[in-house]
Structure formats: C-alpha cells, structure tokens
C-alpha cells in the first residue's frame, strides 16, 4: 500500500484566534473548502466542534465523515476519516496554528494510504490544490 502526504502552509494577517475559529467550526468550513460541510455529531463538552465531533463532507451517501481526535484551541486540530473515503485508507489530518509577527500561520498535513498508486497520487494533488485554494479565501 502506497503512503501519501499533503502538506500546505499558509500565513495570514489575521490573529490566530480568528483563523482557528473559522477552521475549527465544521459548519463554516464549506466557505473555505468549497464543498458542503456539516457537523453531524456534536462533541461532548463546551466546544461542539471539539474531540469526538463528526462532520460530513460532501452529500450523503457519497460524502465522507471525519471525526475530530484532538483539539487544542488556537494550537491544534487532528482528525481522521471515520466513514467513507475509498480508495483512501488510514486518512488522518493535522492542522497546527501559530502566531507570527504579521498575524498567524496554519500548517495542514494529511497522511493517507492507497492501494491504488495512481488514485493516491490524484487524491494527493486534488486535496493539496483544494486546501491551498480554500486557505486563500480566508482574509
């Protein structure tokens, strides 16, 4: 099985708190990613988008579900595909947020496996382009 990685880094003039608030809110991700995104399960606790929350990306039954596995406000979000996503396996993502002199930086890393090397390469290229395009929409 071939392993793939997407790595996107983007700097913003916005404070890290604003960028984190946008990227951590499942129901606002549609504006960034350009595809339907909806929170379908709230996390337990104060942050409905926190650990254990689930978002549907795309339209059921063809969409994928991602579950948040770690969240540290203004610092980190980790998630994994918990339903759907073929031909991709073991898909996990991590967003790290940091302050910069001019505002903030986000680094988005996605790791996944694919038993179909060509499909994995296509998924890697499409995901990278979509995330780059989406992060450029944030201002």
N, C-alpha and C. Protein backbone atom coordinates (compact mmCIF):
# COMPACT_ATOMS: atom_id res chain seq x y z
N UNK A 1 0.85 -1.17 0.00
CA UNK A 1 0.00 0.00 0.00
C UNK A 1 0.90 1.24 0.00
N UNK A 2 0.65 2.17 -0.91
CA UNK A 2 1.46 3.37 -1.03
C UNK A 2 1.02 4.42 0.00
N UNK A 3 2.00 5.08 0.61
CA UNK A 3 1.72 6.15 1.56
C UNK A 3 1.85 7.49 0.85
N UNK A 4 0.95 8.42 1.22
CA UNK A 4 0.94 9.74 0.61
C UNK A 4 0.83 10.80 1.70
N UNK A 5 1.31 12.00 1.38
CA UNK A 5 1.20 13.11 2.32
C UNK A 5 0.92 14.40 1.55
N UNK A 6 0.01 15.19 2.12
CA UNK A 6 -0.28 16.53 1.64
C UNK A 6 0.22 17.47 2.72
N UNK A 7 0.98 18.50 2.33
CA UNK A 7 1.46 19.48 3.30
C UNK A 7 1.23 20.87 2.73
N UNK A 8 0.43 21.66 3.43
CA UNK A 8 0.13 23.03 3.00
C UNK A 8 0.40 23.96 4.17
N UNK A 9 1.11 25.03 3.90
CA UNK A 9 1.39 26.05 4.92
C UNK A 9 0.93 27.39 4.36
N UNK A 10 0.27 28.18 5.20
CA UNK A 10 -0.24 29.48 4.75
C UNK A 10 -0.15 30.48 5.89
N UNK A 11 0.31 31.68 5.56
CA UNK A 11 0.37 32.77 6.52
C UNK A 11 -0.82 33.71 6.31
N UNK A 12 -1.29 34.29 7.42
CA UNK A 12 -2.43 35.19 7.40
C UNK A 12 -2.09 36.46 8.18
N UNK A 13 -2.75 37.55 7.83
CA UNK A 13 -2.61 38.77 8.61
C UNK A 13 -3.61 38.79 9.75
N UNK A 14 -4.50 37.83 9.79
CA UNK A 14 -5.48 37.70 10.87
C UNK A 14 -4.85 37.09 12.11
N UNK A 15 -5.39 37.41 13.28
CA UNK A 15 -4.91 36.76 14.50
C UNK A 15 -5.19 35.26 14.47
N UNK A 16 -4.35 34.50 15.14
CA UNK A 16 -4.50 33.05 15.16
C UNK A 16 -5.88 32.64 15.69
N UNK A 17 -6.43 33.40 16.63
CA UNK A 17 -7.74 33.08 17.19
C UNK A 17 -8.84 33.11 16.12
N UNK A 18 -8.75 34.08 15.21
CA UNK A 18 -9.75 34.19 14.14
C UNK A 18 -9.64 33.04 13.14
N UNK A 19 -8.42 32.69 12.78
CA UNK A 19 -8.21 31.61 11.82
C UNK A 19 -8.63 30.28 12.43
N UNK A 20 -8.26 30.05 13.69
CA UNK A 20 -8.68 28.82 14.37
C UNK A 20 -10.20 28.74 14.45
N UNK A 21 -10.84 29.84 14.81
CA UNK A 21 -12.30 29.85 14.94
C UNK A 21 -12.97 29.44 13.62
N UNK A 22 -12.45 29.90 12.51
CA UNK A 22 -13.03 29.55 11.22
C UNK A 22 -12.77 28.09 10.85
N UNK A 23 -11.54 27.64 10.99
CA UNK A 23 -11.19 26.28 10.55
C UNK A 23 -11.65 25.19 11.52
N UNK A 24 -11.97 25.55 12.74
CA UNK A 24 -12.44 24.55 13.70
C UNK A 24 -13.95 24.40 13.68
N UNK A 25 -14.67 25.34 13.07
CA UNK A 25 -16.13 25.31 13.04
C UNK A 25 -16.59 24.52 11.81
N UNK A 26 -17.07 23.31 12.04
CA UNK A 26 -17.46 22.44 10.92
C UNK A 26 -18.45 23.12 9.98
N UNK A 27 -19.41 23.82 10.54
CA UNK A 27 -20.47 24.41 9.72
C UNK A 27 -20.01 25.63 8.92
N UNK A 28 -18.82 26.13 9.18
CA UNK A 28 -18.28 27.25 8.40
C UNK A 28 -17.23 26.79 7.39
N UNK A 29 -16.84 25.51 7.44
CA UNK A 29 -15.80 25.01 6.54
C UNK A 29 -16.22 25.00 5.07
N UNK A 30 -17.50 24.97 4.80
CA UNK A 30 -17.96 25.00 3.40
C UNK A 30 -17.40 26.20 2.67
N UNK A 31 -17.36 27.35 3.35
CA UNK A 31 -16.84 28.57 2.73
C UNK A 31 -15.38 28.42 2.36
N UNK A 32 -14.64 27.68 3.14
CA UNK A 32 -13.21 27.50 2.89
C UNK A 32 -12.98 26.42 1.84
N UNK A 33 -13.60 25.27 2.02
CA UNK A 33 -13.32 24.13 1.16
C UNK A 33 -14.10 24.14 -0.15
N UNK A 34 -15.17 24.90 -0.22
CA UNK A 34 -15.94 24.98 -1.45
C UNK A 34 -16.80 23.76 -1.72
N UNK A 35 -17.01 22.93 -0.72
CA UNK A 35 -17.91 21.77 -0.81
C UNK A 35 -18.78 21.78 0.44
N UNK A 36 -19.94 21.12 0.39
CA UNK A 36 -20.78 21.08 1.59
C UNK A 36 -20.08 20.41 2.77
N UNK A 37 -20.13 21.06 3.92
CA UNK A 37 -19.60 20.50 5.16
C UNK A 37 -20.62 20.80 6.25
N UNK A 38 -20.94 19.78 7.04
CA UNK A 38 -21.95 19.94 8.08
C UNK A 38 -21.57 19.10 9.29
N UNK A 39 -21.67 19.68 10.47
CA UNK A 39 -21.44 18.91 11.70
C UNK A 39 -22.65 18.01 11.89
N UNK A 40 -22.39 16.69 12.03
CA UNK A 40 -23.49 15.74 12.20
C UNK A 40 -23.49 15.11 13.59
N UNK A 41 -22.43 15.34 14.36
CA UNK A 41 -22.40 14.89 15.75
C UNK A 41 -21.60 15.90 16.56
N UNK A 42 -22.21 16.40 17.61
CA UNK A 42 -21.53 17.34 18.50
C UNK A 42 -20.57 16.60 19.42
N UNK A 43 -19.50 17.29 19.77
CA UNK A 43 -18.60 16.77 20.80
C UNK A 43 -19.27 16.96 22.16
N UNK A 44 -18.86 16.16 23.11
CA UNK A 44 -19.32 16.35 24.48
C UNK A 44 -18.49 17.46 25.10
N UNK A 45 -19.12 18.36 25.81
CA UNK A 45 -18.39 19.44 26.45
C UNK A 45 -18.77 20.79 25.88
N UNK A 46 -17.94 21.77 26.17
CA UNK A 46 -18.24 23.15 25.81
C UNK A 46 -18.09 23.45 24.33
N UNK A 47 -17.21 22.76 23.64
CA UNK A 47 -16.95 23.03 22.22
C UNK A 47 -17.60 21.95 21.37
N UNK A 48 -18.71 22.28 20.71
CA UNK A 48 -19.42 21.28 19.91
C UNK A 48 -18.58 20.75 18.76
N UNK A 49 -17.52 21.49 18.36
CA UNK A 49 -16.63 21.07 17.28
C UNK A 49 -15.37 20.38 17.79
N UNK A 50 -15.32 20.07 19.07
CA UNK A 50 -14.13 19.50 19.68
C UNK A 50 -14.00 18.00 19.50
N UNK A 51 -13.20 17.39 20.36
CA UNK A 51 -12.90 15.96 20.28
C UNK A 51 -14.19 15.14 20.32
N UNK A 52 -14.31 14.25 19.33
CA UNK A 52 -15.48 13.39 19.22
C UNK A 52 -16.54 13.92 18.27
N UNK A 53 -16.44 15.18 17.88
CA UNK A 53 -17.41 15.70 16.92
C UNK A 53 -17.15 15.09 15.55
N UNK A 54 -18.21 15.01 14.74
CA UNK A 54 -18.11 14.41 13.41
C UNK A 54 -18.71 15.37 12.40
N UNK A 55 -18.01 15.53 11.27
CA UNK A 55 -18.52 16.36 10.18
C UNK A 55 -18.67 15.51 8.93
N UNK A 56 -19.71 15.83 8.16
CA UNK A 56 -19.94 15.19 6.87
C UNK A 56 -19.44 16.15 5.80
N UNK A 57 -18.52 15.67 4.96
CA UNK A 57 -18.01 16.46 3.86
C UNK A 57 -18.58 15.88 2.58
N UNK A 58 -19.28 16.71 1.82
CA UNK A 58 -19.99 16.24 0.63
C UNK A 58 -21.43 15.98 0.99
N UNK A 59 -22.08 15.19 0.17
CA UNK A 59 -23.50 14.91 0.34
C UNK A 59 -23.68 13.40 0.55
N UNK A 60 -24.43 13.06 1.59
CA UNK A 60 -24.71 11.65 1.85
C UNK A 60 -25.50 11.09 0.68
N UNK A 61 -25.34 9.87 0.31
CA UNK A 61 -24.47 8.85 0.90
C UNK A 61 -23.06 8.85 0.33
N UNK A 62 -22.72 9.79 -0.53
CA UNK A 62 -21.41 9.79 -1.16
C UNK A 62 -20.35 10.54 -0.37
N UNK A 63 -20.75 11.27 0.65
CA UNK A 63 -19.80 12.05 1.42
C UNK A 63 -18.93 11.19 2.32
N UNK A 64 -17.97 11.86 2.93
CA UNK A 64 -17.12 11.19 3.92
C UNK A 64 -17.37 11.81 5.28
N UNK A 65 -17.12 11.04 6.31
CA UNK A 65 -17.24 11.54 7.67
C UNK A 65 -15.85 11.63 8.29
N UNK A 66 -15.59 12.76 8.93
CA UNK A 66 -14.33 12.96 9.65
C UNK A 66 -14.64 13.19 11.12
N UNK A 67 -13.87 12.54 11.98
CA UNK A 67 -14.03 12.66 13.42
C UNK A 67 -12.83 13.39 13.99
N UNK A 68 -13.08 14.40 14.82
CA UNK A 68 -12.00 15.14 15.48
C UNK A 68 -11.45 14.27 16.61
N UNK A 69 -10.13 14.07 16.60
CA UNK A 69 -9.48 13.22 17.59
C UNK A 69 -8.67 14.01 18.62
N UNK A 70 -8.35 15.26 18.30
CA UNK A 70 -7.64 16.13 19.24
C UNK A 70 -7.94 17.57 18.86
N UNK A 71 -8.06 18.41 19.87
CA UNK A 71 -8.29 19.84 19.62
C UNK A 71 -7.74 20.63 20.80
N UNK A 72 -6.86 21.55 20.50
CA UNK A 72 -6.33 22.49 21.48
C UNK A 72 -6.58 23.87 20.92
N UNK A 73 -7.49 24.64 21.50
CA UNK A 73 -7.86 25.94 20.94
C UNK A 73 -6.64 26.78 20.56
N UNK A 74 -6.70 27.30 19.34
CA UNK A 74 -5.68 28.19 18.78
C UNK A 74 -4.32 27.53 18.58
N UNK A 75 -4.25 26.20 18.69
CA UNK A 75 -2.98 25.50 18.53
C UNK A 75 -3.05 24.29 17.61
N UNK A 76 -4.10 23.46 17.73
CA UNK A 76 -4.06 22.16 17.06
C UNK A 76 -5.46 21.59 16.83
N UNK A 77 -5.63 20.96 15.67
CA UNK A 77 -6.80 20.13 15.37
C UNK A 77 -6.28 18.87 14.68
N UNK A 78 -6.71 17.71 15.17
CA UNK A 78 -6.41 16.45 14.50
C UNK A 78 -7.74 15.76 14.21
N UNK A 79 -7.77 15.07 13.08
CA UNK A 79 -8.98 14.35 12.69
C UNK A 79 -8.61 13.14 11.86
N UNK A 80 -9.58 12.26 11.67
CA UNK A 80 -9.39 11.09 10.82
C UNK A 80 -10.69 10.82 10.09
N UNK A 81 -10.59 10.21 8.91
CA UNK A 81 -11.80 9.77 8.22
C UNK A 81 -12.34 8.58 8.99
N UNK A 82 -13.60 8.67 9.38
CA UNK A 82 -14.22 7.60 10.15
C UNK A 82 -15.27 6.83 9.35
N UNK A 83 -15.62 7.35 8.16
CA UNK A 83 -16.57 6.64 7.30
C UNK A 83 -16.41 7.14 5.87
N UNK A 84 -16.33 6.21 4.92
CA UNK A 84 -16.18 6.56 3.51
C UNK A 84 -14.71 6.80 3.17
N UNK A 85 -14.50 7.39 2.00
CA UNK A 85 -13.15 7.76 1.61
C UNK A 85 -12.41 6.80 0.70
N UNK A 86 -13.06 5.72 0.25
CA UNK A 86 -12.37 4.79 -0.66
C UNK A 86 -11.92 5.55 -1.89
N UNK A 87 -10.77 5.33 -2.45
CA UNK A 87 -9.79 4.27 -2.22
C UNK A 87 -8.73 4.63 -1.18
N UNK A 88 -9.03 5.62 -0.36
CA UNK A 88 -8.06 6.08 0.64
C UNK A 88 -8.29 5.33 1.94
N UNK A 89 -7.19 4.94 2.58
CA UNK A 89 -7.24 4.27 3.88
C UNK A 89 -6.34 5.03 4.86
N UNK A 90 -6.65 4.91 6.13
CA UNK A 90 -5.82 5.49 7.20
C UNK A 90 -5.59 6.99 7.01
N UNK A 91 -6.62 7.69 6.57
CA UNK A 91 -6.53 9.13 6.34
C UNK A 91 -6.60 9.85 7.68
N UNK A 92 -5.57 10.64 7.97
CA UNK A 92 -5.58 11.48 9.17
C UNK A 92 -5.03 12.84 8.80
N UNK A 93 -5.56 13.86 9.46
CA UNK A 93 -5.13 15.21 9.19
C UNK A 93 -4.76 15.93 10.47
N UNK A 94 -3.87 16.90 10.34
CA UNK A 94 -3.47 17.71 11.48
C UNK A 94 -3.29 19.15 11.02
N UNK A 95 -3.94 20.06 11.71
CA UNK A 95 -3.76 21.48 11.49
C UNK A 95 -3.07 22.05 12.71
N UNK A 96 -1.95 22.74 12.50
CA UNK A 96 -1.28 23.42 13.60
C UNK A 96 -1.34 24.91 13.34
N UNK A 97 -1.59 25.66 14.38
CA UNK A 97 -1.76 27.10 14.32
C UNK A 97 -0.68 27.76 15.16
N UNK A 98 -0.09 28.83 14.62
CA UNK A 98 0.92 29.55 15.39
C UNK A 98 0.82 31.04 15.08
N UNK A 99 1.26 31.83 16.04
CA UNK A 99 1.32 33.27 15.86
C UNK A 99 2.59 33.63 15.11
N UNK A 100 2.49 34.65 14.28
CA UNK A 100 3.65 35.19 13.58
C UNK A 100 3.69 36.70 13.84
N UNK A 101 4.76 37.33 13.45
CA UNK A 101 4.88 38.78 13.64
C UNK A 101 3.77 39.52 12.89
N UNK A 102 3.34 38.96 11.74
CA UNK A 102 2.32 39.62 10.92
C UNK A 102 0.90 39.13 11.20
N UNK A 103 0.74 38.06 11.96
CA UNK A 103 -0.59 37.51 12.22
C UNK A 103 -0.53 36.08 12.67
N UNK A 104 -0.69 35.15 11.71
CA UNK A 104 -0.72 33.74 12.09
C UNK A 104 -0.32 32.85 10.92
N UNK A 105 -0.04 31.61 11.24
CA UNK A 105 0.32 30.60 10.24
C UNK A 105 -0.45 29.32 10.55
N UNK A 106 -0.91 28.67 9.48
CA UNK A 106 -1.53 27.36 9.58
C UNK A 106 -0.71 26.39 8.77
N UNK A 107 -0.42 25.25 9.36
CA UNK A 107 0.19 24.14 8.63
C UNK A 107 -0.80 22.99 8.67
N UNK A 108 -1.14 22.49 7.49
CA UNK A 108 -2.15 21.43 7.35
C UNK A 108 -1.45 20.25 6.72
N UNK A 109 -1.38 19.15 7.45
CA UNK A 109 -0.72 17.94 6.97
C UNK A 109 -1.75 16.81 6.98
N UNK A 110 -1.83 16.11 5.86
CA UNK A 110 -2.72 14.96 5.73
C UNK A 110 -1.87 13.77 5.31
N UNK A 111 -2.02 12.67 6.02
CA UNK A 111 -1.36 11.41 5.68
C UNK A 111 -2.43 10.39 5.34
N UNK A 112 -2.18 9.59 4.31
CA UNK A 112 -3.11 8.53 3.96
C UNK A 112 -2.40 7.46 3.15
N UNK A 113 -3.03 6.31 3.10
CA UNK A 113 -2.55 5.19 2.30
C UNK A 113 -3.53 4.94 1.17
N UNK A 114 -3.02 4.37 0.08
CA UNK A 114 -3.87 3.98 -1.02
C UNK A 114 -3.30 2.72 -1.66
N UNK A 115 -4.17 1.76 -1.88
CA UNK A 115 -3.71 0.53 -2.54
C UNK A 115 -3.62 0.73 -4.05
N UNK A 116 -4.14 1.83 -4.54
CA UNK A 116 -4.07 2.16 -5.97
C UNK A 116 -3.16 3.38 -6.12
N UNK A 117 -1.88 3.18 -6.48
CA UNK A 117 -0.92 4.29 -6.52
C UNK A 117 -1.38 5.49 -7.34
N UNK A 118 -1.96 5.27 -8.49
CA UNK A 118 -2.41 6.38 -9.32
C UNK A 118 -3.54 7.14 -8.62
N UNK A 119 -4.48 6.41 -8.03
CA UNK A 119 -5.58 7.06 -7.32
C UNK A 119 -5.04 7.86 -6.13
N UNK A 120 -4.08 7.31 -5.41
CA UNK A 120 -3.48 8.02 -4.28
C UNK A 120 -2.82 9.32 -4.72
N UNK A 121 -2.12 9.28 -5.83
CA UNK A 121 -1.47 10.48 -6.35
C UNK A 121 -2.51 11.52 -6.75
N UNK A 122 -3.57 11.09 -7.39
CA UNK A 122 -4.64 12.02 -7.78
C UNK A 122 -5.28 12.64 -6.55
N UNK A 123 -5.60 11.83 -5.55
CA UNK A 123 -6.19 12.34 -4.31
C UNK A 123 -5.25 13.35 -3.66
N UNK A 124 -3.96 13.04 -3.61
CA UNK A 124 -2.98 13.95 -3.00
C UNK A 124 -2.97 15.29 -3.72
N UNK A 125 -2.94 15.26 -5.04
CA UNK A 125 -2.90 16.51 -5.82
C UNK A 125 -4.20 17.30 -5.67
N UNK A 126 -5.34 16.63 -5.71
CA UNK A 126 -6.62 17.31 -5.59
C UNK A 126 -6.79 17.91 -4.19
N UNK A 127 -6.45 17.14 -3.16
CA UNK A 127 -6.54 17.67 -1.79
C UNK A 127 -5.63 18.87 -1.59
N UNK A 128 -4.40 18.77 -2.04
CA UNK A 128 -3.46 19.89 -1.90
C UNK A 128 -3.96 21.14 -2.58
N UNK A 129 -4.46 21.00 -3.81
CA UNK A 129 -4.98 22.16 -4.55
C UNK A 129 -6.22 22.74 -3.86
N UNK A 130 -7.11 21.88 -3.39
CA UNK A 130 -8.34 22.35 -2.74
C UNK A 130 -8.03 23.09 -1.43
N UNK A 131 -7.11 22.56 -0.65
CA UNK A 131 -6.76 23.21 0.61
C UNK A 131 -6.05 24.54 0.34
N UNK A 132 -5.12 24.55 -0.60
CA UNK A 132 -4.46 25.82 -0.95
C UNK A 132 -5.48 26.86 -1.39
N UNK A 133 -6.37 26.48 -2.28
CA UNK A 133 -7.40 27.39 -2.78
C UNK A 133 -8.29 27.86 -1.63
N UNK A 134 -8.69 26.94 -0.78
CA UNK A 134 -9.54 27.29 0.34
C UNK A 134 -8.89 28.24 1.33
N UNK A 135 -7.63 27.98 1.66
CA UNK A 135 -6.96 28.87 2.60
C UNK A 135 -6.75 30.26 2.03
N UNK A 136 -6.64 30.36 0.72
CA UNK A 136 -6.52 31.68 0.09
C UNK A 136 -7.82 32.49 0.24
N UNK A 137 -8.93 31.81 0.46
CA UNK A 137 -10.22 32.51 0.63
C UNK A 137 -10.33 33.21 1.98
N UNK A 138 -9.49 32.83 2.91
CA UNK A 138 -9.54 33.42 4.25
C UNK A 138 -8.81 34.76 4.22
N UNK A 139 -9.53 35.79 4.65
CA UNK A 139 -8.88 37.11 4.71
C UNK A 139 -9.40 37.91 5.88
